[in-house]
Structure formats: C-alpha cells, structure tokens
Protein backbone atom coordinates (compact mmCIF):
# COMPACT_ATOMS: atom_id res chain seq x y z
CA MET A 1 -14.01 -15.03 7.49
CA THR A 2 -13.51 -13.22 10.69
CA SER A 3 -13.60 -9.51 11.12
CA PHE A 4 -9.84 -9.68 11.73
CA SER A 5 -9.19 -10.36 8.05
CA TYR A 6 -11.34 -7.40 7.01
CA ILE A 7 -9.57 -5.15 9.49
CA LEU A 8 -6.22 -6.39 8.17
CA LEU A 9 -7.34 -5.58 4.61
CA ILE A 10 -8.45 -2.08 5.63
CA ILE A 11 -5.13 -1.45 7.40
CA THR A 12 -3.22 -2.62 4.34
CA MET A 13 -5.26 -0.42 2.01
CA ALA A 14 -4.73 2.55 4.32
CA ALA A 15 -0.98 1.87 4.24
CA VAL A 16 -1.08 1.84 0.43
CA ALA A 17 -2.94 5.15 0.44
CA GLY A 18 -0.45 6.61 2.90
CA VAL A 19 2.56 5.58 0.82
CA LEU A 20 0.83 6.87 -2.32
CA PHE A 21 0.20 10.22 -0.63
CA TRP A 22 3.84 10.30 0.53
CA GLY A 23 4.96 9.69 -3.05
CA ILE A 24 2.76 12.48 -4.38
CA LEU A 25 4.15 14.89 -1.79
CA THR A 26 7.68 13.80 -2.67
CA MET A 27 7.10 14.50 -6.36
CA ALA A 28 5.56 17.86 -5.54
CA ARG A 29 8.49 18.77 -3.33
CA GLY A 30 10.99 17.83 -6.03
CA GLY A 31 14.70 18.46 -5.77
CA GLU A 32 17.20 16.23 -4.02
CA TYR A 33 14.58 14.64 -1.75
CA ASN A 34 12.65 13.40 -4.78
CA VAL A 35 15.78 12.00 -6.39
CA ASN A 36 16.75 10.13 -3.21
CA TRP A 37 13.35 8.72 -2.22
CA SER A 38 11.13 8.29 -5.30
CA ASN A 39 12.24 4.74 -6.21
CA THR A 40 12.10 3.55 -2.60
CA ILE A 41 8.59 4.92 -2.15
CA MET A 42 7.47 3.29 -5.41
CA ARG A 43 8.84 -0.07 -4.28
CA TRP A 44 7.01 0.15 -0.95
CA ARG A 45 3.77 1.04 -2.75
CA ILE A 46 4.08 -1.97 -5.06
CA ILE A 47 4.84 -4.32 -2.16
CA LEU A 48 1.89 -3.05 -0.13
CA GLN A 49 -0.45 -3.26 -3.13
CA ALA A 50 0.59 -6.87 -3.72
CA LEU A 51 0.01 -7.64 -0.04
CA ALA A 52 -3.45 -6.05 -0.14
CA LEU A 53 -4.30 -8.03 -3.28
CA VAL A 54 -3.18 -11.31 -1.69
CA ILE A 55 -5.26 -10.62 1.42
CA PHE A 56 -8.28 -9.75 -0.75
CA VAL A 57 -7.95 -12.95 -2.78
CA LEU A 58 -7.58 -15.05 0.39
CA ILE A 59 -10.71 -13.45 1.83
CA LEU A 60 -12.60 -14.29 -1.34
CA LEU A 61 -11.34 -17.88 -1.42
CA PHE A 62 -12.13 -18.63 2.21
CA SER A 63 -15.50 -16.89 2.27
CA ARG A 64 -17.09 -19.42 -0.05
C-alpha cells in the first residue's frame, strides 16, 4: 500500500477523535445545545468510525 492510504487512515481517525471530543464537550455543556446536537454528533461519529474501519480492512487486504 502507498503512504496515501496510511495518511487517509490517520486523517479519518483524527476526524473520529475530533467528533468524539465535540460530543464530550456537548454533553458537558448540557442544556438546549446538548438536546439539539447530541444525536447528530453521535451519527457522525458512527459514520466516521465505520469509514475508518473500512479503510483499515482495505489496507490489510491489499497489503498481503
């Protein structure tokens, strides 16, 4: 695999960490902001985690 795929995986994992951190801050903030955004943030985290997992599996499959 090229270094591009590893960089793409790192970017995706950083995005997951960023959304996770955003979700933690949202829960800590509480109130109306938490009510409005918590489900949306959770959906983005799940989508990004699935994307990172797919990229990881593809890297493993093609590196053989």
